[in-house]
Protein backbone atom coordinates (compact mmCIF):
# COMPACT_ATOMS: atom_id res chain seq x y z
CA MET A 1 -1.42 25.49 0.95
CA ALA A 2 -0.40 23.39 3.96
CA ALA A 3 2.68 21.20 3.67
CA ASP A 4 0.66 17.98 3.92
CA ARG A 5 -1.18 18.96 0.73
CA ALA A 6 1.93 19.99 -1.19
CA GLU A 7 2.24 18.16 -4.51
CA GLY A 8 5.89 18.83 -5.38
CA VAL A 9 9.12 17.48 -3.91
CA LEU A 10 12.73 18.49 -4.43
CA ALA A 11 14.75 15.44 -3.36
CA ILE A 12 18.47 15.86 -2.65
CA TRP A 13 21.23 13.50 -1.51
CA ASN A 14 24.86 14.56 -1.26
CA ASP A 15 28.23 14.15 0.39
CA ILE A 16 30.46 16.92 1.71
CA ARG A 17 34.23 16.96 1.85
CA ALA A 18 35.33 16.09 5.38
CA ASP A 19 37.31 19.31 5.82
CA ARG A 20 34.26 21.44 4.86
CA ARG A 21 31.60 19.82 7.06
CA ALA A 22 31.72 22.52 9.75
CA ASP A 23 31.38 25.19 7.03
CA PHE A 24 28.51 23.22 5.49
CA GLU A 25 26.58 23.08 8.77
CA SER A 26 27.03 26.79 9.47
CA TRP A 27 26.10 27.78 5.90
CA TYR A 28 23.06 25.51 5.86
CA ARG A 29 21.71 26.75 9.20
CA ASN A 30 22.41 30.45 8.86
CA GLU A 31 22.03 31.11 5.13
CA HIS A 32 20.95 28.32 2.82
CA PHE A 33 17.98 26.73 4.58
CA PRO A 34 16.26 30.03 5.48
CA GLU A 35 16.90 31.36 1.96
CA ARG A 36 15.28 28.34 0.30
CA LEU A 37 12.26 28.34 2.60
CA GLY A 38 11.75 32.01 1.79
CA VAL A 39 11.05 31.23 -1.88
CA PRO A 40 7.32 31.46 -2.71
CA GLY A 41 5.71 28.04 -2.85
CA PHE A 42 8.27 26.30 -0.60
CA ARG A 43 6.24 24.81 2.27
CA LEU A 44 8.62 22.63 4.29
CA GLY A 45 12.24 21.56 4.35
CA ARG A 46 13.61 18.54 6.24
CA ARG A 47 17.31 17.80 6.67
CA TYR A 48 18.74 14.37 7.50
CA GLU A 49 22.07 12.66 8.08
CA MET A 50 22.77 8.99 7.45
CA ALA A 51 21.91 6.94 10.52
CA SER A 52 24.78 4.50 10.05
CA GLY A 53 28.50 4.81 9.70
CA GLU A 54 30.86 7.53 10.84
CA GLY A 55 29.73 9.62 13.77
CA SER A 56 26.37 7.97 14.47
CA ALA A 57 24.82 4.78 15.79
CA ARG A 58 24.59 2.03 13.19
CA ILE A 59 21.13 0.98 12.01
CA GLY A 60 21.34 -2.13 9.87
CA ILE A 61 23.00 -1.72 6.49
CA ALA A 62 22.64 1.60 4.70
CA ASP A 63 24.02 2.84 1.42
CA GLY A 64 24.26 6.14 -0.36
CA PRO A 65 25.39 9.67 0.41
CA ARG A 66 25.77 10.91 3.98
CA TYR A 67 23.19 13.71 3.68
CA PHE A 68 19.56 13.74 2.54
CA CYS A 69 17.22 16.70 2.31
CA TYR A 70 13.84 17.27 0.78
CA TYR A 71 11.65 20.29 0.22
CA LEU A 72 7.89 20.22 -0.25
CA GLY A 73 6.42 22.74 -2.67
CA ASP A 74 2.93 23.65 -3.84
CA THR A 75 3.60 21.81 -7.12
CA ALA A 76 6.62 20.45 -8.97
CA ALA A 77 6.67 23.76 -10.88
CA THR A 78 7.62 25.51 -7.63
CA PHE A 79 11.13 24.17 -8.15
CA THR A 80 11.48 25.66 -11.63
CA SER A 81 9.70 28.92 -10.88
CA PRO A 82 11.30 32.26 -11.88
CA ALA A 83 11.77 33.17 -8.20
CA TYR A 84 13.65 29.97 -7.45
CA ARG A 85 15.64 30.02 -10.70
CA GLU A 86 16.77 33.53 -9.80
CA ARG A 87 18.26 32.18 -6.55
CA LEU A 88 19.89 29.23 -8.30
CA ASN A 89 21.48 31.43 -10.96
CA ASN A 90 22.70 34.12 -8.56
CA PRO A 91 24.33 32.25 -5.67
CA THR A 92 25.89 34.16 -2.81
CA ALA A 93 29.67 34.16 -2.42
CA LEU A 94 29.46 31.53 0.33
CA THR A 95 27.10 29.37 -1.72
CA ARG A 96 29.52 29.55 -4.66
CA SER A 97 32.31 28.36 -2.40
CA MET A 98 30.26 25.49 -1.00
CA MET A 99 28.92 24.33 -4.36
CA SER A 100 32.28 24.40 -6.12
CA ASP A 101 34.52 23.13 -3.34
CA ALA A 102 32.50 21.14 -0.78
CA PHE A 103 29.68 19.23 -2.49
CA HIS A 104 30.19 15.90 -4.26
CA ASN A 105 28.18 12.78 -5.08
CA MET A 106 25.14 15.01 -5.61
CA SER A 107 21.71 13.71 -6.59
CA ARG A 108 18.97 16.29 -7.12
CA THR A 109 15.58 15.66 -8.73
CA VAL A 110 12.28 17.51 -8.96
CA CYS A 111 9.48 15.03 -8.20
CA ARG A 112 5.75 14.72 -7.76
CA ARG A 113 4.23 13.01 -4.73
CA ALA A 114 2.56 10.14 -6.55
CA ALA A 115 1.16 8.46 -3.41
CA ILE A 116 1.03 9.10 0.33
CA ARG A 117 0.09 6.58 3.00
CA GLY A 118 -0.20 7.76 6.60
CA ARG A 119 -0.50 11.17 8.22
CA MET A 120 2.27 11.26 10.83
CA SER A 121 5.93 12.20 10.61
CA SER A 122 8.88 10.78 12.50
CA GLY A 123 12.61 11.19 12.95
CA LEU A 124 13.87 8.28 10.85
CA ALA A 125 13.56 8.10 7.08
CA VAL A 126 14.29 5.16 4.82
CA THR A 127 14.88 6.26 1.23
CA ALA A 128 14.94 3.90 -1.74
CA ARG A 129 16.24 5.61 -4.86
CA PHE A 130 15.45 4.16 -8.27
CA HIS A 131 17.60 5.35 -11.16
CA LEU A 132 15.50 3.49 -13.72
CA PRO A 133 11.69 3.60 -13.99
CA VAL A 134 10.03 1.52 -11.30
CA ASP A 135 6.97 -0.72 -11.68
CA GLN A 136 4.41 1.54 -10.03
CA GLY A 137 2.07 -1.32 -9.20
CA ARG A 138 4.81 -3.15 -7.27
CA ALA A 139 5.89 0.05 -5.58
CA LEU A 140 2.35 0.91 -4.47
CA ALA A 141 1.78 -2.62 -3.20
CA LEU A 142 4.90 -2.36 -1.02
CA LEU A 143 3.84 1.12 0.09
CA ASP A 144 0.52 -0.27 1.30
CA THR A 145 2.21 -3.16 3.07
CA LEU A 146 4.71 -0.95 4.87
CA ALA A 147 2.17 1.71 5.84
CA ALA A 148 -0.01 -0.92 7.52
CA GLU A 149 2.81 -2.11 9.77
CA ASP A 150 3.28 -1.02 13.38
CA GLY A 151 6.11 1.47 13.73
CA ILE A 152 5.63 3.14 10.34
CA ALA A 153 4.43 6.74 10.48
CA ARG A 154 4.20 7.48 6.76
CA ALA A 155 5.14 6.05 3.38
CA GLU A 156 5.33 7.95 0.10
CA LEU A 157 6.15 7.32 -3.56
CA TRP A 158 7.84 10.13 -5.46
CA SER A 159 8.05 10.13 -9.25
CA ALA A 160 10.47 12.29 -11.21
CA ALA A 161 8.80 15.24 -12.92
CA ASP A 162 10.87 14.93 -16.08
CA ALA A 163 9.36 17.91 -17.85
CA ALA A 164 10.05 20.11 -14.83
CA GLN A 165 13.82 19.55 -14.63
CA GLY A 166 14.82 22.39 -16.94
CA ALA A 167 18.32 23.38 -18.03
CA PRO A 168 21.09 23.22 -15.40
CA ALA A 169 21.27 26.34 -13.25
CA LYS A 170 24.46 28.07 -12.13
CA GLU A 171 24.58 26.19 -8.83
CA GLU A 172 24.52 22.83 -10.60
CA GLU A 173 27.23 23.98 -12.98
CA LEU A 174 29.39 24.86 -9.96
CA ARG A 175 28.87 21.33 -8.62
CA GLY A 176 29.84 19.81 -11.96
CA GLY A 177 26.43 18.28 -12.68
CA ASP A 178 23.97 16.26 -10.62
CA ARG A 179 22.63 12.72 -10.81
CA LYS A 180 18.88 12.23 -11.22
CA ILE A 181 16.48 9.59 -9.96
CA ALA A 182 13.42 8.13 -11.65
CA ALA A 183 11.52 7.52 -8.41
CA CYS A 184 11.91 7.26 -4.65
CA LEU A 185 10.17 5.41 -1.84
CA LEU A 186 10.23 7.38 1.41
CA VAL A 187 9.30 5.51 4.58
CA GLU A 188 9.22 7.35 7.91
CA ALA A 189 9.82 4.92 10.78
CA MET A 190 9.30 5.51 14.47
CA ARG A 191 12.24 3.51 15.84
CA ALA A 192 15.51 2.03 14.65
CA ALA A 193 14.11 -1.50 14.48
CA ASP A 194 11.19 -0.27 12.37
CA ALA A 195 13.56 1.48 9.97
CA GLU A 196 15.70 -1.63 9.65
CA ARG A 197 12.64 -3.79 8.95
CA ALA A 198 11.46 -1.39 6.25
CA ARG A 199 14.92 -1.26 4.72
CA ALA A 200 15.08 -5.05 4.61
CA GLU A 201 11.61 -5.36 3.04
CA ILE A 202 12.48 -2.85 0.32
CA ALA A 203 15.78 -4.62 -0.40
CA ALA A 204 14.04 -7.99 -0.55
CA ARG A 205 11.39 -6.69 -2.94
CA PHE A 206 13.57 -4.65 -5.30
CA GLY A 207 17.15 -5.85 -4.76
CA ALA A 208 19.84 -3.94 -6.62
CA ALA A 209 17.25 -1.79 -8.43
CA ALA A 210 16.86 0.31 -5.26
CA GLU A 211 19.67 2.19 -3.54
CA VAL A 212 18.50 2.20 0.08
CA GLY A 213 19.65 4.43 2.94
CA VAL A 214 18.48 5.07 6.50
CA TYR A 215 18.58 8.70 7.65
CA ALA A 216 18.02 10.49 10.96
CA LEU A 217 16.27 13.85 11.04
CA VAL A 218 18.55 16.79 11.85
CA CYS A 219 16.05 19.64 11.62
CA GLU A 220 13.08 20.99 9.70
CA LEU A 221 11.89 24.45 8.73
CA ALA A 222 8.52 25.62 7.47
CA GLY A 223 8.18 28.12 4.66
CA ALA A 224 7.06 31.66 5.36
CA GLY A 225 3.58 30.86 4.12
CA GLY A 226 3.44 27.29 5.44
């Protein structure tokens, strides 16, 4: 299955202790990212860093954790499969160190891609996290509006796959537990001004119900079968 037809999403936001960021980058590049994309059913992984605040050019107003990553899988069940659970419950020594000592403010949710508008990808992502159920009609209406605008490459609605979450795995236990979302709007914008416009439209439509952040793509990796 090609990544653009993948039905499942694993959506992750997190912060990293300042004194472990160099370790985090090395671990992610050399061990963690390749390991995850080697799991059967994982089709694509994309890593981002917040596009405002410390160490980067400011784009409007952005909230939320510094890092965002998502994986596309064949279905939501990819992210609770025996092969993936085996990885989660048997972390490497370095992964144990990172999960127990470096990660904080972690949000991790298995989702389904409920709607996709557009076929392109770009280097800026606006994410709107909903921690309570969202009115799907309102969300889809905004998705359609945004996707029709110049400067927007793609817009998606992700819905939490509640039945697919499963019991906490060893890695989550090491982190001390993760937050979950009910839904997410992902908008891929072509330029900074486009991302800011999308962020403002989401904030105007949903207000405090949506936690909105603007993220810049760091890298992506395709799965072995993708």
